[in-house]
Amino acid sequence: MPRVYVSTVLPAPVAEVWRLIRDFNALPAWTPFVRDSRIEGGMRPDQVGCIRNFTLRDGGVIRERLLALSDYDMACSYAILESPMAVTDYIATLGLTPITEGNQTFAFWQADFDCPPDREAGLVAQIGQGVFQAAFTALKQRFR
């Protein structure tokens, strides 16, 4: 089972970063690759079990279920339900930790998933750099 792990330091207080990313429907506000997003079934975007349905800028559609959301730990976990990527059993966690020196934020994003063996290297790179790192780079620019 491949694992992708990406981390960064964001130049903003952890509470400010968490306010933005804890909204499970806010991907268009802080990622460069999501065009639009909606929560299905009228559920709240911070309600465990809600499903976000979003469209990528390239037209791909992804559906994800919020599995856990902790304001105390400043972390959320979700599963991909449908995606154009050839992944199954995809579970990801995005979490934040305060860095007291400089009032900054340590952020990590990791995912475990299954995929065809011949696609593993490409998917690890796509998810790690094309999704997680691209989103962190956009967050850094937002908070500068």
N, C-alpha and C. Protein backbone atom coordinates (compact mmCIF):
# COMPACT_ATOMS: atom_id res chain seq x y z
N MET A 1 0.85 -1.18 0.00
CA MET A 1 0.00 0.00 0.00
C MET A 1 0.90 1.24 0.00
N PRO A 2 0.84 2.05 -1.04
CA PRO A 2 1.64 3.27 -1.09
C PRO A 2 1.19 4.29 -0.05
N ARG A 3 2.15 5.07 0.41
CA ARG A 3 1.87 6.19 1.31
C ARG A 3 2.53 7.43 0.74
N VAL A 4 1.77 8.52 0.73
CA VAL A 4 2.29 9.82 0.33
C VAL A 4 2.29 10.69 1.58
N TYR A 5 3.39 11.38 1.82
CA TYR A 5 3.48 12.29 2.96
C TYR A 5 4.19 13.54 2.50
N VAL A 6 3.54 14.69 2.75
CA VAL A 6 4.12 15.99 2.41
C VAL A 6 3.90 16.90 3.61
N SER A 7 4.91 17.69 3.95
CA SER A 7 4.78 18.64 5.06
C SER A 7 5.40 19.97 4.66
N THR A 8 5.00 20.99 5.41
CA THR A 8 5.51 22.33 5.13
C THR A 8 5.34 23.20 6.36
N VAL A 9 5.93 24.39 6.31
CA VAL A 9 5.72 25.41 7.33
C VAL A 9 5.01 26.58 6.65
N LEU A 10 3.88 26.97 7.23
CA LEU A 10 3.09 28.08 6.68
C LEU A 10 3.31 29.33 7.53
N PRO A 11 3.47 30.47 6.90
CA PRO A 11 3.77 31.70 7.62
C PRO A 11 2.52 32.39 8.18
N ALA A 12 1.78 31.66 9.02
CA ALA A 12 0.54 32.20 9.59
C ALA A 12 0.25 31.46 10.89
N PRO A 13 -0.50 32.09 11.79
CA PRO A 13 -0.90 31.40 13.02
C PRO A 13 -1.79 30.21 12.72
N VAL A 14 -1.64 29.16 13.51
CA VAL A 14 -2.36 27.91 13.26
C VAL A 14 -3.88 28.11 13.27
N ALA A 15 -4.39 28.97 14.13
CA ALA A 15 -5.84 29.19 14.19
C ALA A 15 -6.36 29.79 12.88
N GLU A 16 -5.58 30.65 12.27
CA GLU A 16 -5.99 31.28 11.02
C GLU A 16 -6.01 30.25 9.87
N VAL A 17 -5.00 29.40 9.83
CA VAL A 17 -4.95 28.37 8.80
C VAL A 17 -6.08 27.37 9.01
N TRP A 18 -6.31 26.97 10.25
CA TRP A 18 -7.36 25.99 10.55
C TRP A 18 -8.73 26.51 10.18
N ARG A 19 -9.00 27.78 10.42
CA ARG A 19 -10.30 28.36 10.04
C ARG A 19 -10.58 28.15 8.56
N LEU A 20 -9.56 28.23 7.75
CA LEU A 20 -9.73 28.07 6.31
C LEU A 20 -9.90 26.61 5.92
N ILE A 21 -9.02 25.73 6.38
CA ILE A 21 -9.04 24.37 5.87
C ILE A 21 -10.02 23.44 6.57
N ARG A 22 -10.54 23.82 7.73
CA ARG A 22 -11.48 22.93 8.43
C ARG A 22 -12.82 22.84 7.69
N ASP A 23 -13.11 23.82 6.83
CA ASP A 23 -14.33 23.79 6.01
C ASP A 23 -14.10 22.80 4.88
N PHE A 24 -14.72 21.66 4.96
CA PHE A 24 -14.53 20.58 4.01
C PHE A 24 -14.96 20.97 2.59
N ASN A 25 -15.68 22.05 2.46
CA ASN A 25 -16.16 22.50 1.16
C ASN A 25 -15.35 23.67 0.61
N ALA A 26 -14.26 24.05 1.27
CA ALA A 26 -13.54 25.27 0.90
C ALA A 26 -12.37 25.05 -0.05
N LEU A 27 -12.23 23.88 -0.63
CA LEU A 27 -11.09 23.64 -1.53
C LEU A 27 -10.91 24.71 -2.60
N PRO A 28 -11.96 25.21 -3.24
CA PRO A 28 -11.75 26.24 -4.25
C PRO A 28 -11.11 27.52 -3.69
N ALA A 29 -11.24 27.75 -2.39
CA ALA A 29 -10.68 28.95 -1.78
C ALA A 29 -9.18 28.85 -1.52
N TRP A 30 -8.65 27.63 -1.45
CA TRP A 30 -7.23 27.54 -1.10
C TRP A 30 -6.42 26.56 -1.93
N THR A 31 -7.00 25.94 -2.93
CA THR A 31 -6.23 25.08 -3.83
C THR A 31 -6.30 25.63 -5.25
N PRO A 32 -5.23 25.50 -6.01
CA PRO A 32 -5.24 26.02 -7.38
C PRO A 32 -5.88 25.10 -8.40
N PHE A 33 -6.24 23.87 -8.02
CA PHE A 33 -6.70 22.89 -8.99
C PHE A 33 -8.18 22.55 -8.89
N VAL A 34 -8.91 23.15 -7.92
CA VAL A 34 -10.34 22.87 -7.76
C VAL A 34 -11.15 24.06 -8.26
N ARG A 35 -12.05 23.78 -9.21
CA ARG A 35 -12.89 24.83 -9.79
C ARG A 35 -14.09 25.14 -8.92
N ASP A 36 -14.80 24.10 -8.47
CA ASP A 36 -15.98 24.33 -7.63
C ASP A 36 -16.22 23.10 -6.77
N SER A 37 -16.99 23.31 -5.71
CA SER A 37 -17.26 22.24 -4.76
C SER A 37 -18.62 22.44 -4.14
N ARG A 38 -19.25 21.30 -3.78
CA ARG A 38 -20.52 21.39 -3.06
C ARG A 38 -20.61 20.20 -2.11
N ILE A 39 -21.35 20.39 -1.04
CA ILE A 39 -21.61 19.31 -0.09
C ILE A 39 -22.96 18.70 -0.46
N GLU A 40 -22.98 17.39 -0.63
CA GLU A 40 -24.20 16.71 -1.03
C GLU A 40 -25.18 16.57 0.15
N GLY A 41 -26.45 16.52 -0.18
CA GLY A 41 -27.48 16.18 0.80
C GLY A 41 -27.76 17.23 1.85
N GLY A 42 -27.32 18.45 1.66
CA GLY A 42 -27.62 19.52 2.61
C GLY A 42 -26.91 19.42 3.95
N MET A 43 -25.91 18.58 4.05
CA MET A 43 -25.17 18.46 5.31
C MET A 43 -24.22 19.66 5.47
N ARG A 44 -23.81 19.91 6.70
CA ARG A 44 -22.84 20.98 6.97
C ARG A 44 -21.45 20.53 6.52
N PRO A 45 -20.60 21.46 6.08
CA PRO A 45 -19.27 21.07 5.61
C PRO A 45 -18.29 20.67 6.72
N ASP A 46 -18.73 20.72 7.97
CA ASP A 46 -17.88 20.25 9.06
C ASP A 46 -18.52 19.05 9.77
N GLN A 47 -19.52 18.46 9.14
CA GLN A 47 -20.24 17.32 9.72
C GLN A 47 -19.61 16.02 9.23
N VAL A 48 -19.10 15.23 10.17
CA VAL A 48 -18.50 13.96 9.81
C VAL A 48 -19.54 13.13 9.05
N GLY A 49 -19.12 12.56 7.96
CA GLY A 49 -20.02 11.80 7.09
C GLY A 49 -20.45 12.57 5.86
N CYS A 50 -20.28 13.89 5.86
CA CYS A 50 -20.69 14.65 4.68
C CYS A 50 -19.81 14.27 3.49
N ILE A 51 -20.37 14.48 2.31
CA ILE A 51 -19.67 14.15 1.07
C ILE A 51 -19.49 15.43 0.27
N ARG A 52 -18.22 15.71 -0.06
CA ARG A 52 -17.97 16.84 -0.96
C ARG A 52 -17.81 16.29 -2.36
N ASN A 53 -18.39 17.01 -3.28
CA ASN A 53 -18.38 16.66 -4.69
C ASN A 53 -17.76 17.86 -5.38
N PHE A 54 -16.56 17.68 -5.93
CA PHE A 54 -15.90 18.84 -6.52
C PHE A 54 -15.37 18.54 -7.92
N THR A 55 -15.25 19.63 -8.67
CA THR A 55 -14.78 19.55 -10.04
C THR A 55 -13.41 20.19 -10.12
N LEU A 56 -12.49 19.47 -10.72
CA LEU A 56 -11.13 19.97 -10.93
C LEU A 56 -11.11 20.94 -12.10
N ARG A 57 -10.10 21.75 -12.18
CA ARG A 57 -9.98 22.70 -13.29
C ARG A 57 -9.89 21.98 -14.64
N ASP A 58 -9.38 20.73 -14.63
CA ASP A 58 -9.30 19.97 -15.88
C ASP A 58 -10.59 19.23 -16.20
N GLY A 59 -11.64 19.41 -15.37
CA GLY A 59 -12.94 18.80 -15.63
C GLY A 59 -13.21 17.51 -14.87
N GLY A 60 -12.20 16.92 -14.25
CA GLY A 60 -12.40 15.70 -13.47
C GLY A 60 -13.29 15.95 -12.27
N VAL A 61 -14.05 14.94 -11.87
CA VAL A 61 -14.95 15.06 -10.71
C VAL A 61 -14.50 14.06 -9.65
N ILE A 62 -14.44 14.53 -8.40
CA ILE A 62 -14.05 13.69 -7.27
C ILE A 62 -15.10 13.84 -6.18
N ARG A 63 -15.41 12.71 -5.54
CA ARG A 63 -16.31 12.70 -4.38
C ARG A 63 -15.54 12.13 -3.20
N GLU A 64 -15.61 12.83 -2.06
CA GLU A 64 -14.89 12.42 -0.87
C GLU A 64 -15.81 12.52 0.35
N ARG A 65 -15.62 11.59 1.28
CA ARG A 65 -16.40 11.57 2.53
C ARG A 65 -15.50 12.01 3.68
N LEU A 66 -16.01 12.94 4.49
CA LEU A 66 -15.29 13.38 5.69
C LEU A 66 -15.42 12.29 6.75
N LEU A 67 -14.29 11.74 7.17
CA LEU A 67 -14.28 10.65 8.14
C LEU A 67 -14.07 11.13 9.57
N ALA A 68 -13.32 12.20 9.74
CA ALA A 68 -13.03 12.73 11.07
C ALA A 68 -12.67 14.19 10.95
N LEU A 69 -13.04 14.97 11.95
CA LEU A 69 -12.70 16.39 12.01
C LEU A 69 -12.53 16.74 13.49
N SER A 70 -11.34 17.20 13.85
CA SER A 70 -11.06 17.52 15.24
C SER A 70 -10.52 18.95 15.36
N ASP A 71 -11.30 19.80 15.99
CA ASP A 71 -10.81 21.15 16.26
C ASP A 71 -9.70 21.12 17.31
N TYR A 72 -9.76 20.16 18.22
CA TYR A 72 -8.73 20.03 19.24
C TYR A 72 -7.39 19.66 18.62
N ASP A 73 -7.39 18.67 17.74
CA ASP A 73 -6.15 18.23 17.08
C ASP A 73 -5.84 19.02 15.82
N MET A 74 -6.77 19.83 15.36
CA MET A 74 -6.65 20.57 14.10
C MET A 74 -6.27 19.63 12.97
N ALA A 75 -7.11 18.62 12.78
CA ALA A 75 -6.87 17.62 11.74
C ALA A 75 -8.19 17.11 11.20
N CYS A 76 -8.15 16.67 9.96
CA CYS A 76 -9.31 16.03 9.37
C CYS A 76 -8.84 14.87 8.51
N SER A 77 -9.69 13.86 8.40
CA SER A 77 -9.42 12.70 7.56
C SER A 77 -10.59 12.49 6.63
N TYR A 78 -10.29 12.00 5.45
CA TYR A 78 -11.34 11.78 4.47
C TYR A 78 -10.98 10.60 3.58
N ALA A 79 -11.99 10.07 2.90
CA ALA A 79 -11.81 8.96 1.96
C ALA A 79 -12.31 9.38 0.59
N ILE A 80 -11.62 8.94 -0.43
CA ILE A 80 -12.11 9.15 -1.80
C ILE A 80 -13.15 8.07 -2.10
N LEU A 81 -14.31 8.52 -2.55
CA LEU A 81 -15.37 7.61 -2.96
C LEU A 81 -15.35 7.37 -4.46
N GLU A 82 -15.12 8.43 -5.23
CA GLU A 82 -15.05 8.35 -6.70
C GLU A 82 -14.00 9.32 -7.18
N SER A 83 -13.21 8.88 -8.16
CA SER A 83 -12.14 9.73 -8.66
C SER A 83 -11.68 9.23 -10.02
N PRO A 84 -11.18 10.12 -10.88
CA PRO A 84 -10.60 9.66 -12.14
C PRO A 84 -9.24 8.98 -11.93
N MET A 85 -8.65 9.13 -10.75
CA MET A 85 -7.38 8.45 -10.47
C MET A 85 -7.65 6.97 -10.21
N ALA A 86 -6.72 6.15 -10.54
CA ALA A 86 -6.88 4.70 -10.36
C ALA A 86 -6.48 4.29 -8.95
N VAL A 87 -7.18 4.84 -7.94
CA VAL A 87 -6.88 4.51 -6.55
C VAL A 87 -8.11 3.87 -5.90
N THR A 88 -7.85 2.99 -4.94
CA THR A 88 -8.91 2.42 -4.11
C THR A 88 -8.45 2.50 -2.66
N ASP A 89 -9.40 2.39 -1.76
CA ASP A 89 -9.10 2.42 -0.32
C ASP A 89 -8.24 3.62 0.06
N TYR A 90 -8.53 4.76 -0.54
CA TYR A 90 -7.76 5.99 -0.32
C TYR A 90 -8.26 6.67 0.95
N ILE A 91 -7.36 6.84 1.92
CA ILE A 91 -7.66 7.56 3.15
C ILE A 91 -6.55 8.60 3.34
N ALA A 92 -6.94 9.84 3.57
CA ALA A 92 -5.96 10.92 3.76
C ALA A 92 -6.25 11.67 5.04
N THR A 93 -5.19 12.23 5.60
CA THR A 93 -5.29 13.09 6.78
C THR A 93 -4.50 14.35 6.53
N LEU A 94 -5.12 15.47 6.86
CA LEU A 94 -4.49 16.78 6.78
C LEU A 94 -4.49 17.35 8.18
N GLY A 95 -3.33 17.72 8.70
CA GLY A 95 -3.26 18.20 10.07
C GLY A 95 -2.33 19.38 10.24
N LEU A 96 -2.56 20.12 11.31
CA LEU A 96 -1.79 21.32 11.62
C LEU A 96 -1.28 21.25 13.05
N THR A 97 -0.10 21.84 13.26
CA THR A 97 0.48 21.97 14.60
C THR A 97 1.05 23.37 14.71
N PRO A 98 0.84 24.05 15.83
CA PRO A 98 1.43 25.38 15.98
C PRO A 98 2.95 25.31 16.13
N ILE A 99 3.61 26.24 15.50
CA ILE A 99 5.04 26.47 15.73
C ILE A 99 5.10 27.75 16.54
N THR A 100 5.49 27.64 17.79
CA THR A 100 5.43 28.81 18.67
C THR A 100 6.45 29.88 18.30
N GLU A 101 7.60 29.46 17.81
CA GLU A 101 8.60 30.45 17.38
C GLU A 101 8.12 31.06 16.07
N GLY A 102 7.83 32.33 16.09
CA GLY A 102 7.39 33.01 14.88
C GLY A 102 5.90 32.91 14.60
N ASN A 103 5.14 32.24 15.48
CA ASN A 103 3.69 32.12 15.32
C ASN A 103 3.33 31.59 13.93
N GLN A 104 3.94 30.46 13.56
CA GLN A 104 3.73 29.83 12.27
C GLN A 104 2.98 28.50 12.45
N THR A 105 2.80 27.79 11.35
CA THR A 105 2.06 26.53 11.36
C THR A 105 2.84 25.45 10.64
N PHE A 106 2.97 24.30 11.29
CA PHE A 106 3.48 23.11 10.62
C PHE A 106 2.25 22.38 10.07
N ALA A 107 2.29 22.06 8.79
CA ALA A 107 1.17 21.36 8.15
C ALA A 107 1.69 20.07 7.52
N PHE A 108 0.89 19.01 7.67
CA PHE A 108 1.21 17.76 6.99
C PHE A 108 -0.04 17.22 6.32
N TRP A 109 0.19 16.48 5.26
CA TRP A 109 -0.89 15.85 4.52
C TRP A 109 -0.37 14.49 4.09
N GLN A 110 -1.08 13.46 4.45
CA GLN A 110 -0.65 12.12 4.06
C GLN A 110 -1.84 11.32 3.54
N ALA A 111 -1.52 10.37 2.70
CA ALA A 111 -2.56 9.50 2.14
C ALA A 111 -2.00 8.10 1.97
N ASP A 112 -2.86 7.13 2.25
CA ASP A 112 -2.58 5.72 1.98
C ASP A 112 -3.65 5.24 1.01
N PHE A 113 -3.25 4.41 0.06
CA PHE A 113 -4.21 3.94 -0.94
C PHE A 113 -3.67 2.68 -1.61
N ASP A 114 -4.54 2.03 -2.33
CA ASP A 114 -4.15 0.92 -3.19
C ASP A 114 -4.29 1.37 -4.64
N CYS A 115 -3.48 0.76 -5.49
CA CYS A 115 -3.53 1.07 -6.91
C CYS A 115 -2.83 -0.05 -7.67
N PRO A 116 -3.02 -0.10 -8.99
CA PRO A 116 -2.27 -1.08 -9.78
C PRO A 116 -0.76 -0.82 -9.61
N PRO A 117 0.05 -1.86 -9.47
CA PRO A 117 1.49 -1.68 -9.24
C PRO A 117 2.17 -0.81 -10.30
N ASP A 118 1.75 -0.92 -11.54
CA ASP A 118 2.39 -0.14 -12.60
C ASP A 118 2.02 1.34 -12.56
N ARG A 119 1.04 1.71 -11.74
CA ARG A 119 0.62 3.12 -11.61
C ARG A 119 1.15 3.77 -10.33
N GLU A 120 1.74 2.98 -9.43
CA GLU A 120 2.12 3.48 -8.10
C GLU A 120 3.04 4.69 -8.16
N ALA A 121 4.14 4.62 -8.87
CA ALA A 121 5.10 5.73 -8.89
C ALA A 121 4.45 7.01 -9.43
N GLY A 122 3.67 6.88 -10.48
CA GLY A 122 3.01 8.06 -11.05
C GLY A 122 1.98 8.66 -10.13
N LEU A 123 1.20 7.82 -9.45
CA LEU A 123 0.18 8.32 -8.52
C LEU A 123 0.81 8.94 -7.28
N VAL A 124 1.87 8.35 -6.78
CA VAL A 124 2.57 8.94 -5.63
C VAL A 124 3.06 10.34 -5.99
N ALA A 125 3.65 10.49 -7.17
CA ALA A 125 4.13 11.80 -7.61
C ALA A 125 2.97 12.77 -7.85
N GLN A 126 1.93 12.29 -8.51
CA GLN A 126 0.77 13.15 -8.80
C GLN A 126 0.12 13.65 -7.51
N ILE A 127 -0.12 12.77 -6.58
CA ILE A 127 -0.77 13.16 -5.33
C ILE A 127 0.17 14.01 -4.48
N GLY A 128 1.42 13.59 -4.36
CA GLY A 128 2.37 14.31 -3.52
C GLY A 128 2.70 15.70 -4.02
N GLN A 129 3.02 15.80 -5.29
CA GLN A 129 3.43 17.10 -5.84
C GLN A 129 2.26 17.86 -6.47
N GLY A 130 1.45 17.16 -7.27
CA GLY A 130 0.38 17.83 -8.00
C GLY A 130 -0.81 18.22 -7.14
N VAL A 131 -0.98 17.57 -5.99
CA VAL A 131 -2.10 17.88 -5.10
C VAL A 131 -1.59 18.50 -3.80
N PHE A 132 -0.93 17.70 -2.97
CA PHE A 132 -0.56 18.15 -1.64
C PHE A 132 0.40 19.34 -1.69
N GLN A 133 1.52 19.20 -2.42
CA GLN A 133 2.49 20.30 -2.46
C GLN A 133 1.93 21.52 -3.17
N ALA A 134 1.16 21.31 -4.23
CA ALA A 134 0.55 22.45 -4.93
C ALA A 134 -0.38 23.23 -4.01
N ALA A 135 -1.14 22.52 -3.19
CA ALA A 135 -2.04 23.19 -2.24
C ALA A 135 -1.25 23.93 -1.17
N PHE A 136 -0.20 23.31 -0.66
CA PHE A 136 0.63 23.98 0.35
C PHE A 136 1.32 25.22 -0.22
N THR A 137 1.78 25.14 -1.46
CA THR A 137 2.39 26.31 -2.10
C THR A 137 1.38 27.44 -2.22
N ALA A 138 0.15 27.12 -2.59
CA ALA A 138 -0.90 28.14 -2.68
C ALA A 138 -1.21 28.73 -1.30
N LEU A 139 -1.24 27.88 -0.26
CA LEU A 139 -1.47 28.39 1.10
C LEU A 139 -0.35 29.33 1.54
N LYS A 140 0.88 28.98 1.24
CA LYS A 140 2.02 29.86 1.58
C LYS A 140 1.85 31.23 0.94
N GLN A 141 1.47 31.24 -0.32
CA GLN A 141 1.28 32.52 -1.02
C GLN A 141 0.12 33.30 -0.43
N ARG A 142 -0.92 32.61 -0.06
CA ARG A 142 -2.10 33.26 0.52
C ARG A 142 -1.76 33.96 1.83
N PHE A 143 -0.93 33.31 2.65
CA PHE A 143 -0.64 33.83 3.99
C PHE A 143 0.60 34.70 4.06
N ARG A 144 1.26 34.95 2.98
CA ARG A 144 2.46 35.84 3.01
C ARG A 144 2.04 37.26 3.24
